[in-house]
């Protein structure tokens, strides 16, 4: 039983570490024009290190919401251009 719990524990730790690395690399791949403010990448970098357990999840939600907002804005401009 202890072996199963050990495997489960380390499996969860490794899955979280993989998710952390994927989200950190995703954040680092954002270009200067992809984030709303000038120092966002530095702020996210500090958050990833200081709040390691929560930062990947926060960035995941931020990334989806921000990319959705950008896409919505782009589609709005296209629609306005077609109707004008």
N, C-alpha and C. Protein backbone atom coordinates (compact mmCIF):
# COMPACT_ATOMS: atom_id res chain seq x y z
N UNK A 1 0.83 -1.20 0.00
CA UNK A 1 0.00 0.00 0.00
C UNK A 1 0.87 1.26 0.00
N UNK A 2 1.96 1.22 0.77
CA UNK A 2 2.84 2.39 0.84
C UNK A 2 3.50 2.67 -0.51
N UNK A 3 3.76 1.61 -1.27
CA UNK A 3 4.37 1.80 -2.60
C UNK A 3 3.40 2.51 -3.53
N UNK A 4 2.14 2.12 -3.47
CA UNK A 4 1.13 2.75 -4.32
C UNK A 4 0.98 4.23 -3.96
N UNK A 5 0.95 4.51 -2.68
CA UNK A 5 0.85 5.91 -2.25
C UNK A 5 2.09 6.69 -2.68
N UNK A 6 3.25 6.07 -2.57
CA UNK A 6 4.49 6.72 -3.02
C UNK A 6 4.47 7.01 -4.51
N UNK A 7 4.05 6.03 -5.32
CA UNK A 7 3.96 6.25 -6.76
C UNK A 7 2.94 7.34 -7.09
N UNK A 8 1.82 7.32 -6.40
CA UNK A 8 0.80 8.34 -6.63
C UNK A 8 1.33 9.73 -6.26
N UNK A 9 2.00 9.83 -5.12
CA UNK A 9 2.56 11.10 -4.68
C UNK A 9 3.57 11.63 -5.70
N UNK A 10 4.53 10.79 -6.10
CA UNK A 10 5.54 11.24 -7.05
C UNK A 10 4.97 11.48 -8.43
N UNK A 11 3.93 10.76 -8.79
CA UNK A 11 3.25 11.00 -10.06
C UNK A 11 2.60 12.38 -10.10
N UNK A 12 1.97 12.75 -8.99
CA UNK A 12 1.35 14.08 -8.89
C UNK A 12 2.43 15.16 -8.92
N UNK A 13 3.51 14.95 -8.19
CA UNK A 13 4.61 15.93 -8.17
C UNK A 13 5.20 16.10 -9.57
N UNK A 14 5.45 15.01 -10.26
CA UNK A 14 6.03 15.09 -11.60
C UNK A 14 5.07 15.73 -12.60
N UNK A 15 3.77 15.43 -12.48
CA UNK A 15 2.79 16.05 -13.37
C UNK A 15 2.73 17.56 -13.13
N UNK A 16 2.76 17.97 -11.87
CA UNK A 16 2.76 19.40 -11.56
C UNK A 16 4.03 20.06 -12.07
N UNK A 17 5.19 19.43 -11.90
CA UNK A 17 6.45 19.99 -12.37
C UNK A 17 6.44 20.14 -13.89
N UNK A 18 5.91 19.17 -14.59
CA UNK A 18 5.79 19.26 -16.04
C UNK A 18 4.89 20.43 -16.43
N UNK A 19 3.75 20.55 -15.77
CA UNK A 19 2.83 21.66 -16.04
C UNK A 19 3.49 23.00 -15.75
N UNK A 20 4.26 23.09 -14.66
CA UNK A 20 4.96 24.32 -14.31
C UNK A 20 5.94 24.71 -15.41
N UNK A 21 6.72 23.74 -15.89
CA UNK A 21 7.70 24.02 -16.94
C UNK A 21 7.01 24.43 -18.24
N UNK A 22 5.94 23.74 -18.61
CA UNK A 22 5.21 24.08 -19.84
C UNK A 22 4.65 25.49 -19.76
N UNK A 23 4.06 25.86 -18.64
CA UNK A 23 3.49 27.21 -18.48
C UNK A 23 4.59 28.26 -18.43
N UNK A 24 5.72 27.96 -17.80
CA UNK A 24 6.83 28.92 -17.74
C UNK A 24 7.39 29.16 -19.13
N UNK A 25 7.60 28.10 -19.90
CA UNK A 25 8.10 28.25 -21.27
C UNK A 25 7.07 29.00 -22.12
N UNK A 26 5.80 28.69 -21.93
CA UNK A 26 4.75 29.40 -22.66
C UNK A 26 4.79 30.89 -22.34
N UNK A 27 5.00 31.25 -21.08
CA UNK A 27 5.10 32.65 -20.69
C UNK A 27 6.32 33.30 -21.33
N UNK A 28 7.44 32.59 -21.34
CA UNK A 28 8.67 33.15 -21.91
C UNK A 28 8.58 33.31 -23.43
N UNK A 29 7.74 32.54 -24.08
CA UNK A 29 7.58 32.65 -25.53
C UNK A 29 6.70 33.82 -25.94
N UNK A 30 6.01 34.43 -24.99
CA UNK A 30 5.22 35.60 -25.31
C UNK A 30 6.16 36.72 -25.77
N UNK A 31 5.80 37.38 -26.84
CA UNK A 31 6.60 38.50 -27.33
C UNK A 31 6.25 39.78 -26.59
N UNK A 32 7.00 40.85 -26.86
CA UNK A 32 6.74 42.12 -26.16
C UNK A 32 5.35 42.70 -26.46
N UNK A 33 4.82 42.40 -27.63
CA UNK A 33 3.49 42.92 -28.00
C UNK A 33 2.36 42.01 -27.56
N UNK A 34 2.68 40.82 -27.05
CA UNK A 34 1.66 39.85 -26.67
C UNK A 34 1.08 40.10 -25.27
N UNK A 35 1.74 40.90 -24.47
CA UNK A 35 1.30 41.16 -23.10
C UNK A 35 0.87 42.62 -22.99
N UNK A 36 -0.08 42.91 -22.11
CA UNK A 36 -0.64 44.27 -22.08
C UNK A 36 0.30 45.35 -21.57
N UNK A 37 1.22 45.03 -20.67
CA UNK A 37 2.09 46.06 -20.12
C UNK A 37 3.55 45.73 -20.36
N UNK A 38 4.40 46.70 -20.14
CA UNK A 38 5.81 46.57 -20.48
C UNK A 38 6.54 45.53 -19.63
N UNK A 39 6.25 45.47 -18.34
CA UNK A 39 7.00 44.60 -17.43
C UNK A 39 6.24 43.33 -17.04
N UNK A 40 5.26 42.95 -17.83
CA UNK A 40 4.48 41.75 -17.50
C UNK A 40 5.32 40.49 -17.43
N UNK A 41 6.24 40.32 -18.35
CA UNK A 41 7.04 39.09 -18.36
C UNK A 41 7.89 39.00 -17.09
N UNK A 42 8.46 40.11 -16.66
CA UNK A 42 9.26 40.11 -15.43
C UNK A 42 8.40 39.81 -14.21
N UNK A 43 7.21 40.41 -14.18
CA UNK A 43 6.29 40.17 -13.06
C UNK A 43 5.88 38.70 -13.01
N UNK A 44 5.52 38.15 -14.17
CA UNK A 44 5.15 36.73 -14.21
C UNK A 44 6.32 35.84 -13.81
N UNK A 45 7.54 36.20 -14.22
CA UNK A 45 8.71 35.42 -13.84
C UNK A 45 8.90 35.38 -12.34
N UNK A 46 8.74 36.54 -11.69
CA UNK A 46 8.85 36.60 -10.23
C UNK A 46 7.73 35.78 -9.58
N UNK A 47 6.52 35.88 -10.11
CA UNK A 47 5.41 35.11 -9.56
C UNK A 47 5.64 33.61 -9.71
N UNK A 48 6.19 33.20 -10.85
CA UNK A 48 6.45 31.77 -11.06
C UNK A 48 7.42 31.23 -10.03
N UNK A 49 8.38 32.05 -9.62
CA UNK A 49 9.36 31.58 -8.64
C UNK A 49 8.84 31.74 -7.22
N UNK A 50 8.23 32.88 -6.91
CA UNK A 50 7.78 33.15 -5.54
C UNK A 50 6.53 32.34 -5.17
N UNK A 51 5.63 32.18 -6.10
CA UNK A 51 4.38 31.46 -5.84
C UNK A 51 4.29 30.22 -6.72
N UNK A 52 5.33 29.42 -6.68
CA UNK A 52 5.45 28.28 -7.59
C UNK A 52 4.24 27.35 -7.61
N UNK A 53 3.60 27.04 -6.49
CA UNK A 53 2.47 26.12 -6.56
C UNK A 53 1.25 26.67 -7.31
N UNK A 54 1.05 27.99 -7.26
CA UNK A 54 -0.17 28.57 -7.84
C UNK A 54 0.06 29.28 -9.16
N UNK A 55 1.26 29.74 -9.43
CA UNK A 55 1.53 30.58 -10.60
C UNK A 55 1.17 29.92 -11.93
N UNK A 56 1.48 28.64 -12.17
CA UNK A 56 1.12 28.07 -13.47
C UNK A 56 -0.38 28.09 -13.73
N UNK A 57 -1.17 27.85 -12.70
CA UNK A 57 -2.62 27.86 -12.87
C UNK A 57 -3.13 29.28 -13.13
N UNK A 58 -2.56 30.26 -12.42
CA UNK A 58 -2.95 31.65 -12.63
C UNK A 58 -2.57 32.10 -14.04
N UNK A 59 -1.38 31.73 -14.50
CA UNK A 59 -0.96 32.11 -15.85
C UNK A 59 -1.81 31.42 -16.89
N UNK A 60 -2.18 30.18 -16.66
CA UNK A 60 -3.02 29.43 -17.59
C UNK A 60 -4.36 30.16 -17.78
N UNK A 61 -4.97 30.59 -16.68
CA UNK A 61 -6.24 31.32 -16.78
C UNK A 61 -6.04 32.68 -17.43
N UNK A 62 -4.96 33.38 -17.07
CA UNK A 62 -4.68 34.70 -17.66
C UNK A 62 -4.46 34.58 -19.16
N UNK A 63 -3.68 33.58 -19.57
CA UNK A 63 -3.34 33.41 -20.98
C UNK A 63 -4.59 33.17 -21.81
N UNK A 64 -5.46 32.28 -21.35
CA UNK A 64 -6.68 32.00 -22.09
C UNK A 64 -7.59 33.22 -22.16
N UNK A 65 -7.74 33.92 -21.04
CA UNK A 65 -8.61 35.10 -21.02
C UNK A 65 -8.03 36.22 -21.88
N UNK A 66 -6.73 36.45 -21.79
CA UNK A 66 -6.12 37.53 -22.55
C UNK A 66 -6.12 37.24 -24.05
N UNK A 67 -5.79 36.02 -24.41
CA UNK A 67 -5.82 35.66 -25.84
C UNK A 67 -7.25 35.75 -26.38
N UNK A 68 -8.24 35.37 -25.57
CA UNK A 68 -9.64 35.51 -25.99
C UNK A 68 -10.02 36.96 -26.20
N UNK A 69 -9.56 37.83 -25.32
CA UNK A 69 -9.86 39.25 -25.46
C UNK A 69 -9.21 39.84 -26.70
N UNK A 70 -7.98 39.45 -26.97
CA UNK A 70 -7.26 39.93 -28.16
C UNK A 70 -7.97 39.44 -29.43
N UNK A 71 -8.37 38.19 -29.44
CA UNK A 71 -9.07 37.64 -30.61
C UNK A 71 -10.41 38.34 -30.82
N UNK A 72 -11.12 38.60 -29.74
CA UNK A 72 -12.39 39.31 -29.83
C UNK A 72 -12.20 40.72 -30.38
N UNK A 73 -11.16 41.39 -29.93
CA UNK A 73 -10.86 42.74 -30.43
C UNK A 73 -10.51 42.70 -31.92
N UNK A 74 -9.75 41.72 -32.32
CA UNK A 74 -9.37 41.59 -33.73
C UNK A 74 -10.59 41.34 -34.61
N UNK A 75 -11.48 40.45 -34.17
CA UNK A 75 -12.69 40.16 -34.92
C UNK A 75 -13.62 41.37 -34.97
N UNK A 76 -13.66 42.14 -33.89
CA UNK A 76 -14.47 43.35 -33.86
C UNK A 76 -13.97 44.36 -34.89
N UNK A 77 -12.66 44.51 -35.02
CA UNK A 77 -12.10 45.43 -36.02
C UNK A 77 -12.42 44.95 -37.43
N UNK A 78 -12.36 43.66 -37.67
CA UNK A 78 -12.69 43.11 -39.00
C UNK A 78 -14.14 43.37 -39.32
N UNK A 79 -15.02 43.15 -38.35
CA UNK A 79 -16.45 43.37 -38.55
C UNK A 79 -16.75 44.84 -38.83
N UNK A 80 -16.11 45.73 -38.10
CA UNK A 80 -16.31 47.17 -38.33
C UNK A 80 -15.82 47.58 -39.71
N UNK A 81 -14.71 47.00 -40.14
CA UNK A 81 -14.17 47.32 -41.47
C UNK A 81 -15.11 46.84 -42.58
N UNK A 82 -15.75 45.69 -42.38
CA UNK A 82 -16.67 45.15 -43.40
C UNK A 82 -17.97 45.94 -43.46
N UNK A 83 -18.42 46.45 -42.33
CA UNK A 83 -19.68 47.19 -42.32
C UNK A 83 -19.51 48.64 -42.73
N UNK A 84 -18.32 49.13 -42.73
CA UNK A 84 -18.08 50.55 -43.10
C UNK A 84 -17.89 50.71 -44.58
